């Protein structure tokens, strides 16, 4: 495995500034991570979903390190799902996220691919079609865009490998127990719901950094010179969509400061749809807080 080192400017103090997607009541995992056991021999390919965020980067490191030790690095692919643009041409995700994800793959010498939903031109189009914002109990943003696109990519990989049978694929993601009580309950390795009787695929979900704390994630970056997105250095604590209804209000305020034109477009859509962006706060109030 050839590693191309990056100089990571994030010091120890950067980790303390991180906040998870949900205000978490889950206890932080005790002790060092024990990597989830994954059987490379039982899988034809291992796909890593990389959004360009810190947890994705740690996942790429862990999967590629384990795969290299097992002599299976050739099976690993990194997939970035492009979320497209808004009606006014703004990227839904952070500019540069794709390039950071590509750098993660290049550092470990594995294949990198970018795919977009075959049905929706962008997540923004999906939101407008739905007529309401994603929420904790309506995460169609993930289900209809990322999961379906990942499923299509698994099928594409199976067709490319020409196995003559359903592909057996591992699908690695950067979910961590520290993020929320719900994620803390997730098994580190389990059969993914995109598998099933009569399908063209058998998919195993793998959460290789499930037990890592935020500080440990940043430690992986520092020790291995892994690139991270500049938004973290600008005060962002997560790298989800630039305007995510599931994000903490503080992150949304900071993002509105960094992305004023995008938030103006979202606020106009909020008014047109007649549904508040978050139950706790609307976009115009977020924007006013950002300006003050």
Protein backbone atom coordinates (compact mmCIF):
# COMPACT_ATOMS: atom_id res chain seq x y z
CA UNK A 1 0.00 0.00 0.00
CA UNK A 2 1.46 3.32 -1.07
CA UNK A 3 0.64 6.24 1.21
CA UNK A 4 1.01 9.82 0.03
CA UNK A 5 1.35 11.84 3.23
CA UNK A 6 -0.55 15.04 3.84
CA UNK A 7 0.24 17.67 6.40
CA UNK A 8 -2.81 17.95 8.63
CA UNK A 9 -3.03 21.42 10.20
CA UNK A 10 -5.58 20.30 12.81
CA UNK A 11 -3.99 20.14 16.23
CA UNK A 12 -5.26 18.52 19.40
CA UNK A 13 -7.44 21.49 20.23
CA UNK A 14 -9.36 21.03 16.99
CA UNK A 15 -10.93 17.84 18.26
CA UNK A 16 -12.42 19.60 21.26
CA UNK A 17 -14.38 21.83 18.92
CA UNK A 18 -16.21 18.94 17.29
CA UNK A 19 -19.95 18.36 17.85
CA UNK A 20 -21.88 15.36 16.64
CA UNK A 21 -24.97 15.31 14.44
CA UNK A 22 -27.27 14.75 17.40
CA UNK A 23 -26.85 16.10 20.94
CA UNK A 24 -25.67 12.81 22.37
CA UNK A 25 -26.65 11.22 25.62
CA UNK A 26 -24.64 8.14 24.73
CA UNK A 27 -21.60 7.60 26.88
CA UNK A 28 -18.27 7.95 25.11
CA UNK A 29 -16.69 4.56 24.41
CA UNK A 30 -14.13 3.59 27.01
CA UNK A 31 -10.63 2.61 26.04
CA UNK A 32 -9.04 2.28 22.59
CA UNK A 33 -10.92 1.09 19.57
CA UNK A 34 -11.08 -2.60 18.86
CA UNK A 35 -11.63 -2.74 15.10
CA UNK A 36 -14.71 -4.65 13.98
CA UNK A 37 -13.90 -8.06 12.57
CA UNK A 38 -14.58 -8.18 8.85
CA UNK A 39 -14.01 -11.17 6.59
CA UNK A 40 -12.35 -9.90 3.41
CA UNK A 41 -12.19 -13.40 1.93
CA UNK A 42 -15.99 -13.66 2.07
CA UNK A 43 -16.48 -10.49 0.00
CA UNK A 44 -15.78 -9.68 -3.64
CA UNK A 45 -15.42 -5.94 -3.06
CA UNK A 46 -15.36 -3.48 -0.20
CA UNK A 47 -16.88 -0.07 -0.89
CA UNK A 48 -16.22 2.87 1.42
CA UNK A 49 -18.71 5.73 1.41
CA UNK A 50 -16.65 8.92 1.72
CA UNK A 51 -18.40 12.29 2.12
CA UNK A 52 -15.09 14.10 2.55
CA UNK A 53 -15.60 14.35 6.31
CA UNK A 54 -13.33 13.41 9.18
CA UNK A 55 -15.12 10.14 10.01
CA UNK A 56 -15.01 9.06 6.37
CA UNK A 57 -11.27 9.68 6.33
CA UNK A 58 -10.72 7.58 9.45
CA UNK A 59 -12.84 4.85 7.86
CA UNK A 60 -10.74 4.87 4.71
CA UNK A 61 -7.63 4.55 6.84
CA UNK A 62 -8.97 1.66 8.91
CA UNK A 63 -10.39 -0.31 5.97
CA UNK A 64 -7.30 0.13 3.81
CA UNK A 65 -4.95 -0.72 6.68
CA UNK A 66 -6.84 -3.94 7.43
CA UNK A 67 -7.21 -4.80 3.75
CA UNK A 68 -3.50 -4.30 3.13
CA UNK A 69 -2.59 -6.60 6.02
CA UNK A 70 -4.97 -9.22 4.61
CA UNK A 71 -3.53 -8.87 1.10
CA UNK A 72 -6.93 -7.64 -0.12
CA UNK A 73 -6.35 -3.98 -0.88
CA UNK A 74 -7.27 -4.58 -4.52
CA UNK A 75 -10.89 -5.15 -3.42
CA UNK A 76 -11.29 -1.68 -1.89
CA UNK A 77 -13.06 1.19 -3.65
CA UNK A 78 -13.96 4.64 -2.33
CA UNK A 79 -17.33 6.05 -3.44
CA UNK A 80 -18.32 9.70 -3.16
CA UNK A 81 -22.01 10.47 -3.76
CA UNK A 82 -22.34 13.86 -5.45
CA UNK A 83 -25.38 15.68 -4.03
CA UNK A 84 -25.65 18.08 -6.94
CA UNK A 85 -26.65 21.73 -7.03
CA UNK A 86 -29.60 23.93 -6.07
CA UNK A 87 -31.83 25.75 -8.53
CA UNK A 88 -29.54 28.79 -8.30
CA UNK A 89 -26.44 26.71 -8.91
CA UNK A 90 -25.10 26.32 -5.38
CA UNK A 91 -23.47 23.05 -4.36
CA UNK A 92 -25.54 21.23 -1.73
CA UNK A 93 -22.40 19.78 -0.15
CA UNK A 94 -19.33 21.76 0.84
CA UNK A 95 -17.18 22.90 -2.09
CA UNK A 96 -14.04 20.79 -2.11
CA UNK A 97 -15.59 17.81 -0.32
CA UNK A 98 -15.26 15.68 -3.44
CA UNK A 99 -11.60 16.61 -3.82
CA UNK A 100 -10.89 15.75 -0.18
CA UNK A 101 -12.57 12.36 -0.61
CA UNK A 102 -10.48 11.77 -3.72
CA UNK A 103 -7.33 12.62 -1.74
CA UNK A 104 -8.25 9.99 0.85
CA UNK A 105 -8.43 7.31 -1.84
CA UNK A 106 -5.23 8.46 -3.50
CA UNK A 107 -3.34 8.41 -0.21
CA UNK A 108 -4.02 4.68 0.15
CA UNK A 109 -3.75 3.82 -3.53
CA UNK A 110 -7.32 2.59 -4.03
CA UNK A 111 -9.90 3.25 -6.70
CA UNK A 112 -12.07 6.36 -6.40
CA UNK A 113 -15.45 6.85 -8.06
CA UNK A 114 -18.09 9.57 -8.01
CA UNK A 115 -21.75 8.81 -8.63
CA UNK A 116 -25.01 10.75 -8.51
CA UNK A 117 -28.59 9.62 -8.09
CA UNK A 118 -30.02 8.24 -11.31
CA UNK A 119 -33.48 9.53 -10.44
CA UNK A 120 -32.81 12.94 -8.94
CA UNK A 121 -30.43 15.50 -10.42
CA UNK A 122 -29.63 16.67 -6.90
CA UNK A 123 -30.69 16.36 -3.28
CA UNK A 124 -32.20 19.81 -3.68
CA UNK A 125 -34.55 18.55 -6.39
CA UNK A 126 -35.57 15.69 -4.10
CA UNK A 127 -36.34 18.11 -1.25
CA UNK A 128 -38.47 20.34 -3.48
CA UNK A 129 -40.31 17.31 -4.82
CA UNK A 130 -41.03 16.10 -1.29
CA UNK A 131 -42.30 19.50 -0.26
CA UNK A 132 -40.82 19.31 3.21
CA UNK A 133 -37.41 19.11 4.82
CA UNK A 134 -35.71 15.89 5.92
CA UNK A 135 -35.92 15.16 9.64
CA UNK A 136 -34.99 12.63 12.28
CA UNK A 137 -37.93 10.42 11.30
CA UNK A 138 -37.93 11.27 7.59
CA UNK A 139 -34.36 10.84 6.45
CA UNK A 140 -35.25 10.44 2.81
CA UNK A 141 -32.16 12.50 2.02
CA UNK A 142 -30.01 9.51 2.99
CA UNK A 143 -32.38 6.78 1.84
CA UNK A 144 -33.28 8.18 -1.59
CA UNK A 145 -29.95 9.73 -2.52
CA UNK A 146 -27.01 8.07 -0.77
CA UNK A 147 -28.36 4.57 -0.07
CA UNK A 148 -29.97 4.06 -3.48
CA UNK A 149 -26.91 5.43 -5.27
CA UNK A 150 -24.69 3.14 -3.19
CA UNK A 151 -26.92 0.19 -4.07
CA UNK A 152 -26.66 1.02 -7.77
CA UNK A 153 -22.88 1.24 -7.43
CA UNK A 154 -22.76 -2.20 -5.80
CA UNK A 155 -24.70 -3.58 -8.79
CA UNK A 156 -22.35 -1.77 -11.16
CA UNK A 157 -19.37 -3.29 -9.40
CA UNK A 158 -20.93 -6.75 -9.61
CA UNK A 159 -21.53 -6.38 -13.35
CA UNK A 160 -17.97 -5.16 -13.83
CA UNK A 161 -16.53 -8.15 -11.95
CA UNK A 162 -18.71 -10.49 -14.06
CA UNK A 163 -19.04 -13.02 -11.26
CA UNK A 164 -21.92 -15.03 -12.68
CA UNK A 165 -23.68 -14.77 -9.30
CA UNK A 166 -24.84 -12.02 -6.91
CA UNK A 167 -21.96 -9.89 -5.71
CA UNK A 168 -20.95 -10.15 -2.05
CA UNK A 169 -19.96 -6.62 -1.10
CA UNK A 170 -18.87 -4.93 2.08
CA UNK A 171 -20.12 -1.37 2.52
CA UNK A 172 -18.04 0.60 5.04
CA UNK A 173 -19.37 3.80 6.60
CA UNK A 174 -18.10 6.26 9.21
CA UNK A 175 -20.95 6.07 11.72
CA UNK A 176 -19.76 6.23 15.34
CA UNK A 177 -21.38 5.26 18.63
CA UNK A 178 -20.52 8.62 20.17
CA UNK A 179 -22.76 10.45 17.70
CA UNK A 180 -26.13 9.38 19.11
CA UNK A 181 -27.88 6.73 21.21
CA UNK A 182 -29.37 5.26 18.03
CA UNK A 183 -25.99 4.90 16.36
CA UNK A 184 -24.48 3.50 19.55
CA UNK A 185 -26.87 0.55 19.23
CA UNK A 186 -25.86 -0.30 15.69
CA UNK A 187 -23.84 -3.50 15.20
CA UNK A 188 -20.40 -2.90 13.75
CA UNK A 189 -21.00 -5.63 11.15
CA UNK A 190 -24.45 -6.67 9.87
CA UNK A 191 -26.40 -7.57 6.74
CA UNK A 192 -27.50 -4.41 4.96
CA UNK A 193 -31.15 -3.92 4.06
CA UNK A 194 -30.24 -3.55 0.38
CA UNK A 195 -29.62 -7.31 0.47
CA UNK A 196 -32.50 -9.73 0.23
CA UNK A 197 -34.02 -12.73 -1.45
CA UNK A 198 -33.97 -12.46 -5.21
CA UNK A 199 -31.68 -9.41 -5.31
CA UNK A 200 -28.50 -9.08 -7.33
CA UNK A 201 -26.40 -8.40 -4.27
CA UNK A 202 -25.49 -9.51 -0.76
CA UNK A 203 -24.23 -6.50 1.18
CA UNK A 204 -22.59 -6.36 4.60
CA UNK A 205 -22.59 -3.03 6.42
CA UNK A 206 -19.28 -2.43 8.21
CA UNK A 207 -18.69 0.37 10.72
CA UNK A 208 -14.93 0.08 11.30
CA UNK A 209 -14.60 3.25 13.42
CA UNK A 210 -17.83 2.74 15.37
CA UNK A 211 -16.13 2.90 18.77
CA UNK A 212 -13.76 5.79 18.07
CA UNK A 213 -14.25 9.06 19.93
CA UNK A 214 -13.94 12.39 18.14
CA UNK A 215 -10.48 12.90 19.62
CA UNK A 216 -9.41 9.46 18.42
CA UNK A 217 -10.64 10.28 14.91
CA UNK A 218 -8.48 13.38 14.83
CA UNK A 219 -5.60 11.37 16.24
CA UNK A 220 -5.88 9.05 13.23
CA UNK A 221 -5.62 12.14 11.01
CA UNK A 222 -2.57 13.50 12.80
CA UNK A 223 -0.68 10.22 13.02
CA UNK A 224 -1.23 9.39 9.35
CA UNK A 225 -1.12 12.85 7.75
CA UNK A 226 -4.65 12.53 6.38
CA UNK A 227 -6.20 15.52 4.64
CA UNK A 228 -9.28 17.14 6.19
CA UNK A 229 -11.67 19.73 4.77
CA UNK A 230 -10.95 23.39 5.52
CA UNK A 231 -14.48 23.88 6.88
CA UNK A 232 -13.31 22.27 10.13
CA UNK A 233 -10.67 24.98 10.48
CA UNK A 234 -13.37 27.60 9.88
CA UNK A 235 -15.37 26.47 12.89
CA UNK A 236 -17.59 23.72 11.49
CA UNK A 237 -17.93 20.66 13.66
CA UNK A 238 -19.39 18.35 11.03
CA UNK A 239 -19.17 18.11 7.25
CA UNK A 240 -22.73 17.14 6.32
CA UNK A 241 -24.71 19.17 3.78
CA UNK A 242 -23.98 22.87 4.10
CA UNK A 243 -27.56 23.42 5.29
CA UNK A 244 -28.69 20.24 7.06
CA UNK A 245 -31.90 20.23 9.14
CA UNK A 246 -30.34 17.57 11.37
CA UNK A 247 -27.32 19.70 12.23
CA UNK A 248 -26.89 21.51 15.54
CA UNK A 249 -28.08 25.12 15.51
CA UNK A 250 -24.60 26.43 16.28
CA UNK A 251 -23.21 24.68 13.23
CA UNK A 252 -26.01 26.04 11.07
CA UNK A 253 -25.32 29.58 12.23
CA UNK A 254 -21.65 29.20 11.42
CA UNK A 255 -22.46 27.66 8.05
CA UNK A 256 -24.81 30.56 7.28
CA UNK A 257 -21.93 32.93 7.94
CA UNK A 258 -19.75 31.00 5.51
CA UNK A 259 -22.48 30.35 2.91
CA UNK A 260 -24.89 33.35 2.94
CA UNK A 261 -26.17 32.99 -0.63
CA UNK A 262 -27.00 29.31 -0.18
CA UNK A 263 -28.91 30.02 3.03
CA UNK A 264 -30.87 32.82 1.36
CA UNK A 265 -32.02 30.34 -1.29
CA UNK A 266 -32.97 27.78 1.37
CA UNK A 267 -34.87 30.44 3.32
CA UNK A 268 -36.86 31.39 0.22
CA UNK A 269 -37.72 27.71 -0.29
CA UNK A 270 -38.75 27.45 3.36
CA UNK A 271 -41.25 30.27 2.83
CA UNK A 272 -42.55 28.72 -0.40
CA UNK A 273 -43.01 25.26 1.15
CA UNK A 274 -44.61 26.57 4.32
CA UNK A 275 -42.61 24.17 6.48
CA UNK A 276 -39.99 25.31 9.00
CA UNK A 277 -36.45 24.06 8.34
CA UNK A 278 -36.04 22.72 11.89
CA UNK A 279 -38.74 22.31 14.51
CA UNK A 280 -36.69 24.43 16.87
CA UNK A 281 -35.67 27.22 14.51
CA UNK A 282 -36.34 28.62 11.05
CA UNK A 283 -33.84 29.65 8.43
CA UNK A 284 -34.49 33.39 8.68
CA UNK A 285 -33.70 33.29 12.38
CA UNK A 286 -30.54 31.28 11.66
CA UNK A 287 -29.52 33.90 9.12
CA UNK A 288 -30.22 36.75 11.55
CA UNK A 289 -28.09 35.06 14.20
CA UNK A 290 -25.34 34.62 11.62
CA UNK A 291 -25.41 38.30 10.75
CA UNK A 292 -25.33 39.40 14.36
